[in-house]
Structures are given as C-alpha cells and as structure tokens.
Amino acid sequence: MENFEENPEENIVGNETENSKHNFNAKRSLGQNFLHAPNIISEMVHAGKISKDDFVLEVGPGKGALTSKLLESGARVIAVEKDDRAIPFLTEKFDSEIKNGQLKLIHGDILEFDPASHGLQKGSYIIIANIPYYISGEFLRKFMEMENTPTRIVVMLQKEVAKRITSEKESILSISIKIYGTPKYLVTVPRKLFRPIPNVDSAVLVIENISKNFFIESKIDEKYFFEILKAGFAHKRKVLIKNLEDKISKETLSMIWEKENISRTARAEDLSPEMWKKIVGNSK
C-alpha cells in the first residue's frame, strides 16, 4: 500500500495560475477540496487501466487536473460536473477536446445520471471519481447495483471509509461493496494535498470485477439479502443468531449454524460475504 504522508509538500502543485476569466475557488458547501498532487492523479489513471479509446466517466472534474491526464491517455471522457461555476471554466480549458469529440462535458448531478442515455452500456466504461464525500455511499450503491455497471471504479474517499470497506472485520458497507466487486485500498492521500485543506485524510479505492454474479449464481434475491443483512447488524451487542430470529425461525437458524459450523457467539462483523450468502440461501 503506497503512502504519500511522509513528505506531502513534495507532491503539491503550486497554486492555480490559470488566467481564465472563469477561474473559481473551491466551495465547502459543495464538499469541494481540489487535489493538487500530480502523482496521485497519475496513480488514479494507472489504476483505471485506461487505454486509448476507452470510455471513462469522470465524476467531479472540478478544475480539470484529472481530466487532463485522462485525455492524455487517449481515452474518450464524459465528465459530469454539478458546480455551475466549473462549466464555463472547463469549457474554455478543454475547448479543442470538446470540439473534436474526445470530451463530453455534462452539467448535472451524478446521482441523477443515466449511463445508457449517453451510450455507456454494461462493462463498456470505467469510472474515475473525485466526489463530495457526503454522497459516497449513495454513489457507490447506484453504480454497483444498476444494470449498466462499469468494468471498474476508481474513487477518492475518506481514508476511514476506504479502510472500512477493505477491512476483514465486516460491516454493512464492506459487504455491500464486496458482493458486487473486489475492492482494493490503493493509496493514502494526506489532507495537505488538497486546497482548501479538509479535516480528514483521504484514500483512493479501486473496485474491480464488478458484476451481479453473487446473486445470479446463488439465485438469491437482492432485496431479501439486504433485508437479512441489515437485520444481522441491527443490534451490535447481540450475537448474530439472536439478531436474525425476527427474520428467520429458530429451527432454521439452528440448522444453518450446525451445517455451516458457525459459532453461536459469532457476530455479524465476523462473517464473510460468502458465509452471508450461505445463511440467506438456506433461510428459505
């Protein structure tokens, strides 16, 4: 796991020097903190395994630092930006790429974005995202549960959230990601590399092998799986088998616990996604 915390100042690009009349500053109300670290940006592009003519959905281009790197790779980029102020800035900065069709700039909310309406079909695109952290959960849920899923996601998250997703000590969040893909903690991004400096450190998370095979192969209903999962995590002080008694009969639970050799003292966080699949699959 690479880490840039030791000498973060060495990774910082100088202040913005664009002379554009459309230049603007980060707005905290939109959760904006602009990344000033070319090596981190390069890490994100490399992690996306992007090659010429790949389709990339970039989320939150801001002032276009990551956009520039994506365009240099030869990828065709669709960039979705919610901030009104960024659109004229990006339009001016990437005038030629927009005109030649390599970049499509969309003013909108990524949570309302429909990939299919822009020609992005299942497995045909890669997501690179530097989103406001307050929409992280909803964003990941949207793009991992939908039909037109990307091949991989590279996303900037709060460091603690990225750690929780990749931890062996499970949570609803970590299991909700792992049942759709393979998450990997790529790199820690210290707060000093952002302007303005946020209150928390960040990290880049990569999610690959995105699919619904977890449910297709086991013939488990997604809605029912999450219903049981949430019940299992409902009361942290209780052991798992007790938490599930409101959803599954005691007799069935005893049969599953014996069959799968699960400890009676096991808690929800102790079980892997595969074991949750066995519990849910044997509960009906």
Foldseek 3Di string as FASTA:
>chain_A
DAECPPCQVVQFDDDDDDPDPLDDADDVVQLDWAFGGLVVLVLLLVLQVDAAAAEEEEEACQQPSSVVVNVVRNYQYEYEHADPSNVVNVCVVCVPCVVVRSYHYHHDDLLPDDCVVVPQAAQRYEYEYEHRQVCVQVNLLVQLVDRRHYQKYKYKYFPVLLCQLQDLQHDLNVLSQVQFWDKDFDYKAQQVRIVPRDPTTMTIMMTHPGDNCSCVVLVFDPVLLSVLLCQQPVDQVQARLVSNCVPAPNVQSVVLCVVVVPDPRHGSRNDHSVSSSSSRSSRD
